[in-house]
Amino acid sequence: VGVKYSIEAVNKGLDTSLAEGFLLEASLFAICAGTEDKKEGTSAFLA
């Protein structure tokens, strides 16, 4: 999910203003933060 949304943020950011790009990045970051992979990634890092 992080890979997918990183690609999307870069691609769509090329067609928007910097402010809109920041907003898109924050929105996609929030989606990532609610995933099981985020829980797994942070837990694995700490462990």
ModelCIF file with pLDDT and N, C-alpha, C, O atoms, coordinates in Angstrom:
data_MODEL
#
_entry.id   MODEL 
#
_entity.id                         1 
_entity.type                       polymer 
_entity.pdbx_number_of_molecules   1 
#
_entity_poly.entity_id                      1 
_entity_poly.type                           'polypeptide(L)' 
_entity_poly.nstd_linkage                   no 
_entity_poly.nstd_monomer                   no 
_entity_poly.pdbx_seq_one_letter_code       VGVKYSIEAVNKGLDTSLAEGFLLEASLFAICAGTEDKKEGTSAFLA 
_entity_poly.pdbx_seq_one_letter_code_can   VGVKYSIEAVNKGLDTSLAEGFLLEASLFAICAGTEDKKEGTSAFLA 
_entity_poly.pdbx_strand_id                 A 
#
loop_
_entity_poly_seq.entity_id 
_entity_poly_seq.num 
_entity_poly_seq.mon_id 
_entity_poly_seq.hetero 
1 1  VAL n 
1 2  GLY n 
1 3  VAL n 
1 4  LYS n 
1 5  TYR n 
1 6  SER n 
1 7  ILE n 
1 8  GLU n 
1 9  ALA n 
1 10 VAL n 
1 11 ASN n 
1 12 LYS n 
1 13 GLY n 
1 14 LEU n 
1 15 ASP n 
1 16 THR n 
1 17 SER n 
1 18 LEU n 
1 19 ALA n 
1 20 GLU n 
1 21 GLY n 
1 22 PHE n 
1 23 LEU n 
1 24 LEU n 
1 25 GLU n 
1 26 ALA n 
1 27 SER n 
1 28 LEU n 
1 29 PHE n 
1 30 ALA n 
1 31 ILE n 
1 32 CYS n 
1 33 ALA n 
1 34 GLY n 
1 35 THR n 
1 36 GLU n 
1 37 ASP n 
1 38 LYS n 
1 39 LYS n 
1 40 GLU n 
1 41 GLY n 
1 42 THR n 
1 43 SER n 
1 44 ALA n 
1 45 PHE n 
1 46 LEU n 
1 47 ALA n 
#
_struct_asym.id          A 
_struct_asym.entity_id   1 
#
loop_
_ma_qa_metric.id 
_ma_qa_metric.mode 
_ma_qa_metric.name 
_ma_qa_metric.software_group_id 
_ma_qa_metric.type 
1 global pLDDT . pLDDT 
2 local  pLDDT . pLDDT 
#
_ma_qa_metric_global.metric_id      1 
_ma_qa_metric_global.metric_value   89.77 
_ma_qa_metric_global.model_id       1 
_ma_qa_metric_global.ordinal_id     1 
#
loop_
_ma_qa_metric_local.label_asym_id 
_ma_qa_metric_local.label_comp_id 
_ma_qa_metric_local.label_seq_id 
_ma_qa_metric_local.metric_id 
_ma_qa_metric_local.metric_value 
_ma_qa_metric_local.model_id 
_ma_qa_metric_local.ordinal_id 
A VAL 1  2 92.00 1 1  
A GLY 2  2 92.00 1 2  
A VAL 3  2 93.00 1 3  
A LYS 4  2 92.00 1 4  
A TYR 5  2 92.00 1 5  
A SER 6  2 93.00 1 6  
A ILE 7  2 92.00 1 7  
A GLU 8  2 91.00 1 8  
A ALA 9  2 92.00 1 9  
A VAL 10 2 92.00 1 10 
A ASN 11 2 90.00 1 11 
A LYS 12 2 89.00 1 12 
A GLY 13 2 87.00 1 13 
A LEU 14 2 83.00 1 14 
A ASP 15 2 83.00 1 15 
A THR 16 2 87.00 1 16 
A SER 17 2 88.00 1 17 
A LEU 18 2 90.00 1 18 
A ALA 19 2 93.00 1 19 
A GLU 20 2 91.00 1 20 
A GLY 21 2 91.00 1 21 
A PHE 22 2 92.00 1 22 
A LEU 23 2 93.00 1 23 
A LEU 24 2 90.00 1 24 
A GLU 25 2 90.00 1 25 
A ALA 26 2 93.00 1 26 
A SER 27 2 91.00 1 27 
A LEU 28 2 90.00 1 28 
A PHE 29 2 90.00 1 29 
A ALA 30 2 93.00 1 30 
A ILE 31 2 91.00 1 31 
A CYS 32 2 91.00 1 32 
A ALA 33 2 90.00 1 33 
A GLY 34 2 90.00 1 34 
A THR 35 2 90.00 1 35 
A GLU 36 2 88.00 1 36 
A ASP 37 2 90.00 1 37 
A LYS 38 2 88.00 1 38 
A LYS 39 2 86.00 1 39 
A GLU 40 2 83.00 1 40 
A GLY 41 2 87.00 1 41 
A THR 42 2 87.00 1 42 
A SER 43 2 88.00 1 43 
A ALA 44 2 85.00 1 44 
A PHE 45 2 89.00 1 45 
A LEU 46 2 90.00 1 46 
A ALA 47 2 91.00 1 47 
#
loop_
_atom_site.group_PDB 
_atom_site.id 
_atom_site.type_symbol 
_atom_site.label_atom_id 
_atom_site.label_alt_id 
_atom_site.label_comp_id 
_atom_site.label_asym_id 
_atom_site.label_entity_id 
_atom_site.label_seq_id 
_atom_site.pdbx_PDB_ins_code 
_atom_site.Cartn_x 
_atom_site.Cartn_y 
_atom_site.Cartn_z 
_atom_site.occupancy 
_atom_site.B_iso_or_equiv 
_atom_site.pdbx_formal_charge 
_atom_site.auth_seq_id 
_atom_site.auth_comp_id 
_atom_site.auth_asym_id 
_atom_site.auth_atom_id 
_atom_site.pdbx_PDB_model_num 
ATOM 1   N N  . VAL A 1 1  ? 0.839  -1.201 0.000   1.00 92.00 ? 1  VAL A N  1 
ATOM 2   C CA . VAL A 1 1  ? 0.000  0.000  0.000   1.00 92.00 ? 1  VAL A CA 1 
ATOM 3   C C  . VAL A 1 1  ? 0.874  1.251  0.000   1.00 92.00 ? 1  VAL A C  1 
ATOM 4   O O  . VAL A 1 1  ? 0.573  2.221  -0.696  1.00 92.00 ? 1  VAL A O  1 
ATOM 5   N N  . GLY A 1 2  ? 1.944  1.230  0.771   1.00 92.00 ? 2  GLY A N  1 
ATOM 6   C CA . GLY A 1 2  ? 2.857  2.362  0.797   1.00 92.00 ? 2  GLY A CA 1 
ATOM 7   C C  . GLY A 1 2  ? 3.514  2.590  -0.554  1.00 92.00 ? 2  GLY A C  1 
ATOM 8   O O  . GLY A 1 2  ? 3.680  3.732  -0.983  1.00 92.00 ? 2  GLY A O  1 
ATOM 9   N N  . VAL A 1 3  ? 3.888  1.507  -1.224  1.00 93.00 ? 3  VAL A N  1 
ATOM 10  C CA . VAL A 1 3  ? 4.489  1.609  -2.557  1.00 93.00 ? 3  VAL A CA 1 
ATOM 11  C C  . VAL A 1 3  ? 3.471  2.178  -3.548  1.00 93.00 ? 3  VAL A C  1 
ATOM 12  O O  . VAL A 1 3  ? 3.777  3.097  -4.307  1.00 93.00 ? 3  VAL A O  1 
ATOM 13  N N  . LYS A 1 4  ? 2.264  1.623  -3.532  1.00 92.00 ? 4  LYS A N  1 
ATOM 14  C CA . LYS A 1 4  ? 1.208  2.064  -4.453  1.00 92.00 ? 4  LYS A CA 1 
ATOM 15  C C  . LYS A 1 4  ? 0.928  3.554  -4.302  1.00 92.00 ? 4  LYS A C  1 
ATOM 16  O O  . LYS A 1 4  ? 0.873  4.282  -5.294  1.00 92.00 ? 4  LYS A O  1 
ATOM 17  N N  . TYR A 1 5  ? 0.752  4.008  -3.066  1.00 92.00 ? 5  TYR A N  1 
ATOM 18  C CA . TYR A 1 5  ? 0.380  5.405  -2.869  1.00 92.00 ? 5  TYR A CA 1 
ATOM 19  C C  . TYR A 1 5  ? 1.564  6.350  -3.055  1.00 92.00 ? 5  TYR A C  1 
ATOM 20  O O  . TYR A 1 5  ? 1.370  7.523  -3.377  1.00 92.00 ? 5  TYR A O  1 
ATOM 21  N N  . SER A 1 6  ? 2.775  5.860  -2.859  1.00 93.00 ? 6  SER A N  1 
ATOM 22  C CA . SER A 1 6  ? 3.944  6.687  -3.168  1.00 93.00 ? 6  SER A CA 1 
ATOM 23  C C  . SER A 1 6  ? 4.002  6.973  -4.665  1.00 93.00 ? 6  SER A C  1 
ATOM 24  O O  . SER A 1 6  ? 4.262  8.103  -5.079  1.00 93.00 ? 6  SER A O  1 
ATOM 25  N N  . ILE A 1 7  ? 3.756  5.937  -5.478  1.00 92.00 ? 7  ILE A N  1 
ATOM 26  C CA . ILE A 1 7  ? 3.729  6.123  -6.933  1.00 92.00 ? 7  ILE A CA 1 
ATOM 27  C C  . ILE A 1 7  ? 2.630  7.111  -7.310  1.00 92.00 ? 7  ILE A C  1 
ATOM 28  O O  . ILE A 1 7  ? 2.843  8.005  -8.130  1.00 92.00 ? 7  ILE A O  1 
ATOM 29  N N  . GLU A 1 8  ? 1.456  6.944  -6.707  1.00 91.00 ? 8  GLU A N  1 
ATOM 30  C CA . GLU A 1 8  ? 0.330  7.829  -7.031  1.00 91.00 ? 8  GLU A CA 1 
ATOM 31  C C  . GLU A 1 8  ? 0.624  9.270  -6.648  1.00 91.00 ? 8  GLU A C  1 
ATOM 32  O O  . GLU A 1 8  ? 0.299  10.189 -7.400  1.00 91.00 ? 8  GLU A O  1 
ATOM 33  N N  . ALA A 1 9  ? 1.232  9.478  -5.493  1.00 92.00 ? 9  ALA A N  1 
ATOM 34  C CA . ALA A 1 9  ? 1.518  10.839 -5.041  1.00 92.00 ? 9  ALA A CA 1 
ATOM 35  C C  . ALA A 1 9  ? 2.518  11.521 -5.974  1.00 92.00 ? 9  ALA A C  1 
ATOM 36  O O  . ALA A 1 9  ? 2.360  12.696 -6.306  1.00 92.00 ? 9  ALA A O  1 
ATOM 37  N N  . VAL A 1 10 ? 3.537  10.788 -6.393  1.00 92.00 ? 10 VAL A N  1 
ATOM 38  C CA . VAL A 1 10 ? 4.525  11.367 -7.311  1.00 92.00 ? 10 VAL A CA 1 
ATOM 39  C C  . VAL A 1 10 ? 3.887  11.676 -8.660  1.00 92.00 ? 10 VAL A C  1 
ATOM 40  O O  . VAL A 1 10 ? 4.062  12.771 -9.194  1.00 92.00 ? 10 VAL A O  1 
ATOM 41  N N  . ASN A 1 11 ? 3.145  10.714 -9.214  1.00 90.00 ? 11 ASN A N  1 
ATOM 42  C CA . ASN A 1 11 ? 2.547  10.908 -10.537 1.00 90.00 ? 11 ASN A CA 1 
ATOM 43  C C  . ASN A 1 11 ? 1.536  12.047 -10.552 1.00 90.00 ? 11 ASN A C  1 
ATOM 44  O O  . ASN A 1 11 ? 1.592  12.918 -11.420 1.00 90.00 ? 11 ASN A O  1 
ATOM 45  N N  . LYS A 1 12 ? 0.620  12.045 -9.604  1.00 89.00 ? 12 LYS A N  1 
ATOM 46  C CA . LYS A 1 12 ? -0.418 13.078 -9.589  1.00 89.00 ? 12 LYS A CA 1 
ATOM 47  C C  . LYS A 1 12 ? 0.136  14.427 -9.149  1.00 89.00 ? 12 LYS A C  1 
ATOM 48  O O  . LYS A 1 12 ? -0.384 15.474 -9.535  1.00 89.00 ? 12 LYS A O  1 
ATOM 49  N N  . GLY A 1 13 ? 1.183  14.398 -8.349  1.00 87.00 ? 13 GLY A N  1 
ATOM 50  C CA . GLY A 1 13 ? 1.779  15.649 -7.907  1.00 87.00 ? 13 GLY A CA 1 
ATOM 51  C C  . GLY A 1 13 ? 2.368  16.464 -9.035  1.00 87.00 ? 13 GLY A C  1 
ATOM 52  O O  . GLY A 1 13 ? 2.473  17.686 -8.934  1.00 87.00 ? 13 GLY A O  1 
ATOM 53  N N  . LEU A 1 14 ? 2.754  15.793 -10.114 1.00 83.00 ? 14 LEU A N  1 
ATOM 54  C CA . LEU A 1 14 ? 3.309  16.499 -11.264 1.00 83.00 ? 14 LEU A CA 1 
ATOM 55  C C  . LEU A 1 14 ? 2.271  17.394 -11.929 1.00 83.00 ? 14 LEU A C  1 
ATOM 56  O O  . LEU A 1 14 ? 2.621  18.367 -12.597 1.00 83.00 ? 14 LEU A O  1 
ATOM 57  N N  . ASP A 1 15 ? 0.990  17.066 -11.745 1.00 83.00 ? 15 ASP A N  1 
ATOM 58  C CA . ASP A 1 15 ? -0.088 17.788 -12.430 1.00 83.00 ? 15 ASP A CA 1 
ATOM 59  C C  . ASP A 1 15 ? -0.805 18.782 -11.525 1.00 83.00 ? 15 ASP A C  1 
ATOM 60  O O  . ASP A 1 15 ? -1.835 19.339 -11.906 1.00 83.00 ? 15 ASP A O  1 
ATOM 61  N N  . THR A 1 16 ? -0.271 19.005 -10.338 1.00 87.00 ? 16 THR A N  1 
ATOM 62  C CA . THR A 1 16 ? -0.948 19.891 -9.386  1.00 87.00 ? 16 THR A CA 1 
ATOM 63  C C  . THR A 1 16 ? 0.017  20.943 -8.861  1.00 87.00 ? 16 THR A C  1 
ATOM 64  O O  . THR A 1 16 ? 1.218  20.886 -9.125  1.00 87.00 ? 16 THR A O  1 
ATOM 65  N N  . SER A 1 17 ? -0.519 21.901 -8.118  1.00 88.00 ? 17 SER A N  1 
ATOM 66  C CA . SER A 1 17 ? 0.328  22.875 -7.429  1.00 88.00 ? 17 SER A CA 1 
ATOM 67  C C  . SER A 1 17 ? 1.019  22.188 -6.256  1.00 88.00 ? 17 SER A C  1 
ATOM 68  O O  . SER A 1 17 ? 0.640  21.085 -5.861  1.00 88.00 ? 17 SER A O  1 
ATOM 69  N N  . LEU A 1 18 ? 2.027  22.845 -5.705  1.00 90.00 ? 18 LEU A N  1 
ATOM 70  C CA . LEU A 1 18 ? 2.728  22.278 -4.555  1.00 90.00 ? 18 LEU A CA 1 
ATOM 71  C C  . LEU A 1 18 ? 1.777  22.098 -3.375  1.00 90.00 ? 18 LEU A C  1 
ATOM 72  O O  . LEU A 1 18 ? 1.842  21.091 -2.670  1.00 90.00 ? 18 LEU A O  1 
ATOM 73  N N  . ALA A 1 19 ? 0.899  23.068 -3.162  1.00 93.00 ? 19 ALA A N  1 
ATOM 74  C CA . ALA A 1 19 ? -0.051 22.976 -2.047  1.00 93.00 ? 19 ALA A CA 1 
ATOM 75  C C  . ALA A 1 19 ? -0.997 21.791 -2.235  1.00 93.00 ? 19 ALA A C  1 
ATOM 76  O O  . ALA A 1 19 ? -1.290 21.070 -1.282  1.00 93.00 ? 19 ALA A O  1 
ATOM 77  N N  . GLU A 1 20 ? -1.472 21.592 -3.465  1.00 91.00 ? 20 GLU A N  1 
ATOM 78  C CA . GLU A 1 20 ? -2.363 20.463 -3.741  1.00 91.00 ? 20 GLU A CA 1 
ATOM 79  C C  . GLU A 1 20 ? -1.607 19.143 -3.611  1.00 91.00 ? 20 GLU A C  1 
ATOM 80  O O  . GLU A 1 20 ? -2.160 18.141 -3.159  1.00 91.00 ? 20 GLU A O  1 
ATOM 81  N N  . GLY A 1 21 ? -0.339 19.156 -4.012  1.00 91.00 ? 21 GLY A N  1 
ATOM 82  C CA . GLY A 1 21 ? 0.481  17.963 -3.868  1.00 91.00 ? 21 GLY A CA 1 
ATOM 83  C C  . GLY A 1 21 ? 0.679  17.585 -2.406  1.00 91.00 ? 21 GLY A C  1 
ATOM 84  O O  . GLY A 1 21 ? 0.641  16.408 -2.049  1.00 91.00 ? 21 GLY A O  1 
ATOM 85  N N  . PHE A 1 22 ? 0.892  18.599 -1.560  1.00 92.00 ? 22 PHE A N  1 
ATOM 86  C CA . PHE A 1 22 ? 1.020  18.345 -0.125  1.00 92.00 ? 22 PHE A CA 1 
ATOM 87  C C  . PHE A 1 22 ? -0.264 17.746 0.439   1.00 92.00 ? 22 PHE A C  1 
ATOM 88  O O  . PHE A 1 22 ? -0.220 16.820 1.249   1.00 92.00 ? 22 PHE A O  1 
ATOM 89  N N  . LEU A 1 23 ? -1.408 18.276 0.009   1.00 93.00 ? 23 LEU A N  1 
ATOM 90  C CA . LEU A 1 23 ? -2.688 17.782 0.500   1.00 93.00 ? 23 LEU A CA 1 
ATOM 91  C C  . LEU A 1 23 ? -2.904 16.329 0.078   1.00 93.00 ? 23 LEU A C  1 
ATOM 92  O O  . LEU A 1 23 ? -3.355 15.506 0.873   1.00 93.00 ? 23 LEU A O  1 
ATOM 93  N N  . LEU A 1 24 ? -2.580 16.022 -1.174  1.00 90.00 ? 24 LEU A N  1 
ATOM 94  C CA . LEU A 1 24 ? -2.696 14.643 -1.657  1.00 90.00 ? 24 LEU A CA 1 
ATOM 95  C C  . LEU A 1 24 ? -1.786 13.720 -0.851  1.00 90.00 ? 24 LEU A C  1 
ATOM 96  O O  . LEU A 1 24 ? -2.200 12.634 -0.445  1.00 90.00 ? 24 LEU A O  1 
ATOM 97  N N  . GLU A 1 25 ? -0.546 14.154 -0.623  1.00 90.00 ? 25 GLU A N  1 
ATOM 98  C CA . GLU A 1 25 ? 0.406  13.345 0.145   1.00 90.00 ? 25 GLU A CA 1 
ATOM 99  C C  . GLU A 1 25 ? -0.131 13.064 1.545   1.00 90.00 ? 25 GLU A C  1 
ATOM 100 O O  . GLU A 1 25 ? -0.061 11.933 2.025   1.00 90.00 ? 25 GLU A O  1 
ATOM 101 N N  . ALA A 1 26 ? -0.662 14.086 2.193   1.00 93.00 ? 26 ALA A N  1 
ATOM 102 C CA . ALA A 1 26 ? -1.188 13.915 3.556   1.00 93.00 ? 26 ALA A CA 1 
ATOM 103 C C  . ALA A 1 26 ? -2.378 12.958 3.570   1.00 93.00 ? 26 ALA A C  1 
ATOM 104 O O  . ALA A 1 26 ? -2.519 12.152 4.490   1.00 93.00 ? 26 ALA A O  1 
ATOM 105 N N  . SER A 1 27 ? -3.232 13.046 2.552   1.00 91.00 ? 27 SER A N  1 
ATOM 106 C CA . SER A 1 27 ? -4.404 12.174 2.485   1.00 91.00 ? 27 SER A CA 1 
ATOM 107 C C  . SER A 1 27 ? -3.991 10.722 2.288   1.00 91.00 ? 27 SER A C  1 
ATOM 108 O O  . SER A 1 27 ? -4.533 9.826  2.935   1.00 91.00 ? 27 SER A O  1 
ATOM 109 N N  . LEU A 1 28 ? -3.045 10.491 1.406   1.00 90.00 ? 28 LEU A N  1 
ATOM 110 C CA . LEU A 1 28 ? -2.593 9.128  1.148   1.00 90.00 ? 28 LEU A CA 1 
ATOM 111 C C  . LEU A 1 28 ? -1.800 8.576  2.339   1.00 90.00 ? 28 LEU A C  1 
ATOM 112 O O  . LEU A 1 28 ? -1.876 7.386  2.646   1.00 90.00 ? 28 LEU A O  1 
ATOM 113 N N  . PHE A 1 29 ? -1.043 9.446  3.002   1.00 90.00 ? 29 PHE A N  1 
ATOM 114 C CA . PHE A 1 29 ? -0.323 9.034  4.216   1.00 90.00 ? 29 PHE A CA 1 
ATOM 115 C C  . PHE A 1 29 ? -1.319 8.568  5.271   1.00 90.00 ? 29 PHE A C  1 
ATOM 116 O O  . PHE A 1 29 ? -1.085 7.576  5.963   1.00 90.00 ? 29 PHE A O  1 
ATOM 117 N N  . ALA A 1 30 ? -2.438 9.294  5.390   1.00 93.00 ? 30 ALA A N  1 
ATOM 118 C CA . ALA A 1 30 ? -3.454 8.931  6.373   1.00 93.00 ? 30 ALA A CA 1 
ATOM 119 C C  . ALA A 1 30 ? -4.058 7.567  6.069   1.00 93.00 ? 30 ALA A C  1 
ATOM 120 O O  . ALA A 1 30 ? -4.325 6.786  6.983   1.00 93.00 ? 30 ALA A O  1 
ATOM 121 N N  . ILE A 1 31 ? -4.276 7.276  4.787   1.00 91.00 ? 31 ILE A N  1 
ATOM 122 C CA . ILE A 1 31 ? -4.796 5.959  4.409   1.00 91.00 ? 31 ILE A CA 1 
ATOM 123 C C  . ILE A 1 31 ? -3.807 4.880  4.820   1.00 91.00 ? 31 ILE A C  1 
ATOM 124 O O  . ILE A 1 31 ? -4.194 3.856  5.383   1.00 91.00 ? 31 ILE A O  1 
ATOM 125 N N  . CYS A 1 32 ? -2.531 5.111  4.537   1.00 91.00 ? 32 CYS A N  1 
ATOM 126 C CA . CYS A 1 32 ? -1.497 4.136  4.918   1.00 91.00 ? 32 CYS A CA 1 
ATOM 127 C C  . CYS A 1 32 ? -1.481 3.914  6.427   1.00 91.00 ? 32 CYS A C  1 
ATOM 128 O O  . CYS A 1 32 ? -1.291 2.793  6.897   1.00 91.00 ? 32 CYS A O  1 
ATOM 129 N N  . ALA A 1 33 ? -1.684 4.993  7.179   1.00 90.00 ? 33 ALA A N  1 
ATOM 130 C CA . ALA A 1 33 ? -1.611 4.912  8.641   1.00 90.00 ? 33 ALA A CA 1 
ATOM 131 C C  . ALA A 1 33 ? -2.711 4.040  9.223   1.00 90.00 ? 33 ALA A C  1 
ATOM 132 O O  . ALA A 1 33 ? -2.592 3.566  10.353  1.00 90.00 ? 33 ALA A O  1 
ATOM 133 N N  . GLY A 1 34 ? -3.783 3.823  8.463   1.00 90.00 ? 34 GLY A N  1 
ATOM 134 C CA . GLY A 1 34 ? -4.873 2.987  8.956   1.00 90.00 ? 34 GLY A CA 1 
ATOM 135 C C  . GLY A 1 34 ? -4.801 1.543  8.510   1.00 90.00 ? 34 GLY A C  1 
ATOM 136 O O  . GLY A 1 34 ? -5.747 0.788  8.737   1.00 90.00 ? 34 GLY A O  1 
ATOM 137 N N  . THR A 1 35 ? -3.705 1.131  7.878   1.00 90.00 ? 35 THR A N  1 
ATOM 138 C CA . THR A 1 35 ? -3.609 -0.225 7.340   1.00 90.00 ? 35 THR A CA 1 
ATOM 139 C C  . THR A 1 35 ? -2.990 -1.197 8.349   1.00 90.00 ? 35 THR A C  1 
ATOM 140 O O  . THR A 1 35 ? -2.312 -0.804 9.298   1.00 90.00 ? 35 THR A O  1 
ATOM 141 N N  . GLU A 1 36 ? -3.250 -2.465 8.100   1.00 88.00 ? 36 GLU A N  1 
ATOM 142 C CA . GLU A 1 36 ? -2.616 -3.515 8.895   1.00 88.00 ? 36 GLU A CA 1 
ATOM 143 C C  . GLU A 1 36 ? -1.102 -3.526 8.659   1.00 88.00 ? 36 GLU A C  1 
ATOM 144 O O  . GLU A 1 36 ? -0.324 -3.833 9.563   1.00 88.00 ? 36 GLU A O  1 
ATOM 145 N N  . ASP A 1 37 ? -0.701 -3.190 7.441   1.00 90.00 ? 37 ASP A N  1 
ATOM 146 C CA . ASP A 1 37 ? 0.732  -3.175 7.138   1.00 90.00 ? 37 ASP A CA 1 
ATOM 147 C C  . ASP A 1 37 ? 1.471  -2.122 7.957   1.00 90.00 ? 37 ASP A C  1 
ATOM 148 O O  . ASP A 1 37 ? 2.625  -2.332 8.331   1.00 90.00 ? 37 ASP A O  1 
ATOM 149 N N  . LYS A 1 38 ? 0.825  -0.996 8.238   1.00 88.00 ? 38 LYS A N  1 
ATOM 150 C CA . LYS A 1 38 ? 1.468  0.015  9.078   1.00 88.00 ? 38 LYS A CA 1 
ATOM 151 C C  . LYS A 1 38 ? 1.678  -0.528 10.491  1.00 88.00 ? 38 LYS A C  1 
ATOM 152 O O  . LYS A 1 38 ? 2.733  -0.327 11.092  1.00 88.00 ? 38 LYS A O  1 
ATOM 153 N N  . LYS A 1 39 ? 0.653  -1.225 11.019  1.00 86.00 ? 39 LYS A N  1 
ATOM 154 C CA . LYS A 1 39 ? 0.797  -1.830 12.349  1.00 86.00 ? 39 LYS A CA 1 
ATOM 155 C C  . LYS A 1 39 ? 1.915  -2.866 12.351  1.00 86.00 ? 39 LYS A C  1 
ATOM 156 O O  . LYS A 1 39 ? 2.727  -2.924 13.274  1.00 86.00 ? 39 LYS A O  1 
ATOM 157 N N  . GLU A 1 40 ? 1.941  -3.684 11.296  1.00 83.00 ? 40 GLU A N  1 
ATOM 158 C CA . GLU A 1 40 ? 2.973  -4.714 11.196  1.00 83.00 ? 40 GLU A CA 1 
ATOM 159 C C  . GLU A 1 40 ? 4.351  -4.090 11.040  1.00 83.00 ? 40 GLU A C  1 
ATOM 160 O O  . GLU A 1 40 ? 5.309  -4.528 11.676  1.00 83.00 ? 40 GLU A O  1 
ATOM 161 N N  . GLY A 1 41 ? 4.454  -3.071 10.198  1.00 87.00 ? 41 GLY A N  1 
ATOM 162 C CA . GLY A 1 41 ? 5.756  -2.448 9.959   1.00 87.00 ? 41 GLY A CA 1 
ATOM 163 C C  . GLY A 1 41 ? 6.330  -1.787 11.192  1.00 87.00 ? 41 GLY A C  1 
ATOM 164 O O  . GLY A 1 41 ? 7.515  -1.939 11.489  1.00 87.00 ? 41 GLY A O  1 
ATOM 165 N N  . THR A 1 42 ? 5.498  -1.055 11.909  1.00 87.00 ? 42 THR A N  1 
ATOM 166 C CA . THR A 1 42 ? 5.994  -0.388 13.117  1.00 87.00 ? 42 THR A CA 1 
ATOM 167 C C  . THR A 1 42 ? 6.294  -1.402 14.226  1.00 87.00 ? 42 THR A C  1 
ATOM 168 O O  . THR A 1 42 ? 7.273  -1.260 14.959  1.00 87.00 ? 42 THR A O  1 
ATOM 169 N N  . SER A 1 43 ? 5.441  -2.428 14.340  1.00 88.00 ? 43 SER A N  1 
ATOM 170 C CA . SER A 1 43 ? 5.683  -3.464 15.354  1.00 88.00 ? 43 SER A CA 1 
ATOM 171 C C  . SER A 1 43 ? 6.977  -4.218 15.068  1.00 88.00 ? 43 SER A C  1 
ATOM 172 O O  . SER A 1 43 ? 7.764  -4.492 15.974  1.00 88.00 ? 43 SER A O  1 
ATOM 173 N N  . ALA A 1 44 ? 7.186  -4.549 13.794  1.00 85.00 ? 44 ALA A N  1 
ATOM 174 C CA . ALA A 1 44 ? 8.405  -5.272 13.416  1.00 85.00 ? 44 ALA A CA 1 
ATOM 175 C C  . ALA A 1 44 ? 9.646  -4.430 13.676  1.00 85.00 ? 44 ALA A C  1 
ATOM 176 O O  . ALA A 1 44 ? 10.666 -4.944 14.135  1.00 85.00 ? 44 ALA A O  1 
ATOM 177 N N  . PHE A 1 45 ? 9.558  -3.137 13.382  1.00 89.00 ? 45 PHE A N  1 
ATOM 178 C CA . PHE A 1 45 ? 10.693 -2.244 13.612  1.00 89.00 ? 45 PHE A CA 1 
ATOM 179 C C  . PHE A 1 45 ? 11.038 -2.202 15.092  1.00 89.00 ? 45 PHE A C  1 
ATOM 180 O O  . PHE A 1 45 ? 12.205 -2.319 15.465  1.00 89.00 ? 45 PHE A O  1 
ATOM 181 N N  . LEU A 1 46 ? 10.028 -2.035 15.933  1.00 90.00 ? 46 LEU A N  1 
ATOM 182 C CA . LEU A 1 46 ? 10.269 -1.936 17.380  1.00 90.00 ? 46 LEU A CA 1 
ATOM 183 C C  . LEU A 1 46 ? 10.757 -3.261 17.956  1.00 90.00 ? 46 LEU A C  1 
ATOM 184 O O  . LEU A 1 46 ? 11.518 -3.281 18.924  1.00 90.00 ? 46 LEU A O  1 
ATOM 185 N N  . ALA A 1 47 ? 10.314 -4.375 17.355  1.00 91.00 ? 47 ALA A N  1 
ATOM 186 C CA . ALA A 1 47 ? 10.735 -5.701 17.828  1.00 91.00 ? 47 ALA A CA 1 
ATOM 187 C C  . ALA A 1 47 ? 12.030 -6.160 17.171  1.00 91.00 ? 47 ALA A C  1 
ATOM 188 O O  . ALA A 1 47 ? 12.516 -7.253 17.461  1.00 91.00 ? 47 ALA A O  1 
#
